[in-house]
Amino acid sequence: MSNNNKEQLNLFNQPIEVLVEAACTVERASMLVGRSKGCVYSQLRQNQQFRRDVATGTWNVYPTGKKDGSILVNVAFAPTGNTWKVV
């Protein structure tokens, strides 16, 4: 079996997305991503994810359902460039 590094998948160079909070309210998500509640709601009401690009990556807010009249969402962060490294 050959050990050719060019043929191996390097998982540390693949894009990643880190789940920051699961099944939280839009109010909580807006605090995490640094945008107003209305700004996040406007995207979610159109059945789209909310996305905010920042210098170190991208915030994503995905709708997951409703509970007691509130929209529940998952908040994730996808770092870009060399800002995060696996050590």
N, C-alpha and C. Protein backbone atom coordinates (compact mmCIF):
# COMPACT_ATOMS: atom_id res chain seq x y z
N MET A 1 0.84 -1.17 0.00
CA MET A 1 0.00 0.00 0.00
C MET A 1 0.89 1.23 0.00
N SER A 2 0.61 2.15 -0.92
CA SER A 2 1.45 3.34 -1.00
C SER A 2 0.99 4.37 0.01
N ASN A 3 1.92 5.20 0.45
CA ASN A 3 1.62 6.25 1.42
C ASN A 3 1.85 7.60 0.74
N ASN A 4 1.07 7.87 -0.28
CA ASN A 4 1.22 9.11 -1.03
C ASN A 4 0.29 10.16 -0.44
N ASN A 5 0.85 11.20 0.19
CA ASN A 5 0.05 12.21 0.86
C ASN A 5 -0.84 12.99 -0.09
N LYS A 6 -0.48 13.07 -1.37
CA LYS A 6 -1.30 13.80 -2.33
C LYS A 6 -2.64 13.12 -2.56
N GLU A 7 -2.71 11.81 -2.32
CA GLU A 7 -3.94 11.06 -2.54
C GLU A 7 -4.82 11.01 -1.30
N GLN A 8 -4.32 11.46 -0.16
CA GLN A 8 -5.08 11.40 1.08
C GLN A 8 -5.92 12.65 1.26
N LEU A 9 -7.09 12.47 1.83
CA LEU A 9 -7.97 13.60 2.14
C LEU A 9 -7.48 14.24 3.43
N ASN A 10 -7.21 15.52 3.38
CA ASN A 10 -6.77 16.25 4.57
C ASN A 10 -7.98 16.94 5.16
N LEU A 11 -8.56 16.37 6.21
CA LEU A 11 -9.77 16.91 6.82
C LEU A 11 -9.56 18.27 7.45
N PHE A 12 -8.34 18.59 7.83
CA PHE A 12 -8.08 19.87 8.50
C PHE A 12 -8.14 21.05 7.53
N ASN A 13 -8.12 20.81 6.23
CA ASN A 13 -8.22 21.88 5.25
C ASN A 13 -9.62 22.01 4.66
N GLN A 14 -10.55 21.18 5.13
CA GLN A 14 -11.91 21.22 4.62
C GLN A 14 -12.71 22.30 5.34
N PRO A 15 -13.66 22.93 4.67
CA PRO A 15 -14.50 23.93 5.33
C PRO A 15 -15.29 23.28 6.46
N ILE A 16 -15.40 23.99 7.56
CA ILE A 16 -16.14 23.45 8.70
C ILE A 16 -17.20 24.46 9.12
N GLU A 17 -18.19 23.97 9.83
CA GLU A 17 -19.21 24.82 10.43
C GLU A 17 -19.44 24.31 11.84
N VAL A 18 -19.37 25.19 12.81
CA VAL A 18 -19.49 24.82 14.21
C VAL A 18 -20.86 25.22 14.71
N LEU A 19 -21.61 24.27 15.25
CA LEU A 19 -22.91 24.56 15.84
C LEU A 19 -22.68 25.31 17.14
N VAL A 20 -23.20 26.52 17.24
CA VAL A 20 -23.01 27.35 18.43
C VAL A 20 -24.15 27.13 19.41
N GLU A 21 -25.36 27.10 18.90
CA GLU A 21 -26.52 26.87 19.76
C GLU A 21 -27.62 26.20 18.95
N ALA A 22 -28.28 25.21 19.56
CA ALA A 22 -29.34 24.46 18.87
C ALA A 22 -30.69 24.77 19.49
N ALA A 23 -31.70 24.83 18.64
CA ALA A 23 -33.09 25.01 19.06
C ALA A 23 -33.28 26.20 19.99
N CYS A 24 -32.71 27.32 19.63
CA CYS A 24 -32.89 28.53 20.43
C CYS A 24 -33.90 29.44 19.74
N THR A 25 -34.31 30.49 20.43
CA THR A 25 -35.26 31.44 19.86
C THR A 25 -34.55 32.41 18.92
N VAL A 26 -35.33 33.09 18.11
CA VAL A 26 -34.77 34.08 17.21
C VAL A 26 -34.16 35.23 18.01
N GLU A 27 -34.75 35.55 19.14
CA GLU A 27 -34.19 36.60 20.00
C GLU A 27 -32.77 36.25 20.43
N ARG A 28 -32.57 35.02 20.86
CA ARG A 28 -31.24 34.56 21.27
C ARG A 28 -30.28 34.55 20.07
N ALA A 29 -30.76 34.08 18.93
CA ALA A 29 -29.93 34.03 17.73
C ALA A 29 -29.49 35.42 17.32
N SER A 30 -30.39 36.40 17.42
CA SER A 30 -30.03 37.76 17.02
C SER A 30 -28.94 38.32 17.92
N MET A 31 -28.95 37.95 19.20
CA MET A 31 -27.88 38.38 20.11
C MET A 31 -26.55 37.75 19.69
N LEU A 32 -26.58 36.48 19.34
CA LEU A 32 -25.34 35.77 18.97
C LEU A 32 -24.72 36.30 17.69
N VAL A 33 -25.55 36.63 16.69
CA VAL A 33 -25.01 37.07 15.40
C VAL A 33 -24.86 38.58 15.31
N GLY A 34 -25.33 39.31 16.32
CA GLY A 34 -25.14 40.75 16.35
C GLY A 34 -26.01 41.51 15.37
N ARG A 35 -27.22 41.06 15.15
CA ARG A 35 -28.18 41.74 14.28
C ARG A 35 -29.52 41.84 15.00
N SER A 36 -30.38 42.70 14.50
CA SER A 36 -31.68 42.88 15.14
C SER A 36 -32.57 41.66 14.92
N LYS A 37 -33.52 41.51 15.81
CA LYS A 37 -34.48 40.42 15.73
C LYS A 37 -35.25 40.49 14.40
N GLY A 38 -35.67 41.69 14.00
CA GLY A 38 -36.42 41.87 12.77
C GLY A 38 -35.62 41.49 11.54
N CYS A 39 -34.33 41.77 11.55
CA CYS A 39 -33.46 41.43 10.42
C CYS A 39 -33.39 39.91 10.24
N VAL A 40 -33.25 39.19 11.35
CA VAL A 40 -33.19 37.72 11.29
C VAL A 40 -34.56 37.16 10.89
N TYR A 41 -35.63 37.67 11.51
CA TYR A 41 -36.99 37.21 11.21
C TYR A 41 -37.34 37.39 9.73
N SER A 42 -36.91 38.50 9.14
CA SER A 42 -37.30 38.76 7.74
C SER A 42 -36.82 37.66 6.81
N GLN A 43 -35.62 37.14 7.01
CA GLN A 43 -35.11 36.04 6.19
C GLN A 43 -35.85 34.74 6.50
N LEU A 44 -36.09 34.48 7.79
CA LEU A 44 -36.73 33.22 8.18
C LEU A 44 -38.17 33.15 7.69
N ARG A 45 -38.85 34.28 7.68
CA ARG A 45 -40.25 34.31 7.21
C ARG A 45 -40.35 33.99 5.73
N GLN A 46 -39.27 34.19 5.00
CA GLN A 46 -39.22 33.86 3.57
C GLN A 46 -38.70 32.44 3.34
N ASN A 47 -38.66 31.65 4.41
CA ASN A 47 -38.15 30.26 4.37
C ASN A 47 -36.72 30.19 3.87
N GLN A 48 -35.91 31.17 4.27
CA GLN A 48 -34.50 31.18 3.92
C GLN A 48 -33.69 31.24 5.21
N GLN A 49 -32.47 30.73 5.13
CA GLN A 49 -31.58 30.86 6.28
C GLN A 49 -31.08 32.30 6.35
N PHE A 50 -30.75 32.75 7.56
CA PHE A 50 -30.13 34.06 7.73
C PHE A 50 -28.63 33.85 7.68
N ARG A 51 -27.94 34.71 6.97
CA ARG A 51 -26.49 34.59 6.83
C ARG A 51 -25.87 35.95 7.05
N ARG A 52 -24.81 35.99 7.87
CA ARG A 52 -24.08 37.24 8.10
C ARG A 52 -22.59 36.97 7.98
N ASP A 53 -21.95 37.64 7.03
CA ASP A 53 -20.51 37.51 6.84
C ASP A 53 -19.80 38.52 7.75
N VAL A 54 -18.79 38.03 8.45
CA VAL A 54 -17.94 38.88 9.29
C VAL A 54 -16.49 38.62 8.90
N ALA A 55 -15.57 39.37 9.45
CA ALA A 55 -14.16 39.26 9.06
C ALA A 55 -13.59 37.86 9.27
N THR A 56 -14.04 37.15 10.30
CA THR A 56 -13.46 35.85 10.62
C THR A 56 -14.27 34.66 10.11
N GLY A 57 -15.41 34.91 9.47
CA GLY A 57 -16.22 33.81 8.97
C GLY A 57 -17.64 34.21 8.66
N THR A 58 -18.54 33.23 8.74
CA THR A 58 -19.94 33.46 8.42
C THR A 58 -20.84 32.88 9.50
N TRP A 59 -21.79 33.69 9.95
CA TRP A 59 -22.84 33.23 10.87
C TRP A 59 -24.01 32.73 10.03
N ASN A 60 -24.57 31.58 10.39
CA ASN A 60 -25.74 31.04 9.72
C ASN A 60 -26.80 30.71 10.75
N VAL A 61 -28.04 31.09 10.46
CA VAL A 61 -29.18 30.78 11.33
C VAL A 61 -30.17 29.99 10.49
N TYR A 62 -30.43 28.75 10.92
CA TYR A 62 -31.32 27.84 10.20
C TYR A 62 -32.60 27.61 10.99
N PRO A 63 -33.76 27.75 10.37
CA PRO A 63 -35.00 27.44 11.10
C PRO A 63 -35.12 25.93 11.33
N THR A 64 -35.58 25.55 12.52
CA THR A 64 -35.73 24.12 12.82
C THR A 64 -37.16 23.74 13.15
N GLY A 65 -38.02 24.71 13.34
CA GLY A 65 -39.42 24.41 13.65
C GLY A 65 -40.01 25.50 14.53
N LYS A 66 -41.17 25.19 15.11
CA LYS A 66 -41.84 26.14 15.99
C LYS A 66 -42.22 25.46 17.29
N LYS A 67 -42.25 26.25 18.36
CA LYS A 67 -42.67 25.74 19.66
C LYS A 67 -43.32 26.90 20.41
N ASP A 68 -44.53 26.70 20.86
CA ASP A 68 -45.28 27.71 21.60
C ASP A 68 -45.35 29.04 20.84
N GLY A 69 -45.50 28.97 19.53
CA GLY A 69 -45.61 30.18 18.72
C GLY A 69 -44.30 30.84 18.35
N SER A 70 -43.19 30.34 18.86
CA SER A 70 -41.88 30.92 18.55
C SER A 70 -41.16 30.07 17.50
N ILE A 71 -40.45 30.73 16.62
CA ILE A 71 -39.62 30.01 15.64
C ILE A 71 -38.34 29.59 16.36
N LEU A 72 -38.00 28.32 16.27
CA LEU A 72 -36.75 27.82 16.84
C LEU A 72 -35.72 27.71 15.72
N VAL A 73 -34.47 28.01 16.06
CA VAL A 73 -33.40 28.02 15.07
C VAL A 73 -32.14 27.37 15.61
N ASN A 74 -31.27 26.96 14.70
CA ASN A 74 -29.91 26.56 15.02
C ASN A 74 -28.98 27.67 14.56
N VAL A 75 -28.00 27.99 15.38
CA VAL A 75 -27.01 29.02 15.04
C VAL A 75 -25.67 28.33 14.86
N ALA A 76 -25.03 28.59 13.71
CA ALA A 76 -23.74 27.97 13.42
C ALA A 76 -22.77 29.04 12.92
N PHE A 77 -21.48 28.76 13.10
CA PHE A 77 -20.45 29.67 12.62
C PHE A 77 -19.48 28.88 11.75
N ALA A 78 -19.20 29.42 10.57
CA ALA A 78 -18.25 28.80 9.64
C ALA A 78 -17.03 29.72 9.52
N PRO A 79 -15.91 29.38 10.18
CA PRO A 79 -14.72 30.22 10.09
C PRO A 79 -14.09 30.16 8.70
N THR A 80 -13.44 31.26 8.33
CA THR A 80 -12.76 31.31 7.04
C THR A 80 -11.25 31.51 7.24
N GLY A 81 -10.52 31.22 6.19
CA GLY A 81 -9.08 31.44 6.20
C GLY A 81 -8.38 30.65 7.29
N ASN A 82 -7.31 31.22 7.81
CA ASN A 82 -6.52 30.56 8.84
C ASN A 82 -6.85 31.07 10.24
N THR A 83 -8.07 31.57 10.40
CA THR A 83 -8.41 32.14 11.72
C THR A 83 -8.59 31.08 12.78
N TRP A 84 -9.00 29.88 12.40
CA TRP A 84 -9.12 28.77 13.35
C TRP A 84 -8.25 27.64 12.87
N LYS A 85 -7.55 27.02 13.77
CA LYS A 85 -6.72 25.86 13.41
C LYS A 85 -6.98 24.74 14.39
N VAL A 86 -6.92 23.53 13.91
CA VAL A 86 -7.03 22.36 14.77
C VAL A 86 -5.66 22.11 15.36
N VAL A 87 -5.59 22.07 16.67
CA VAL A 87 -4.31 21.89 17.35
C VAL A 87 -4.29 20.55 18.06
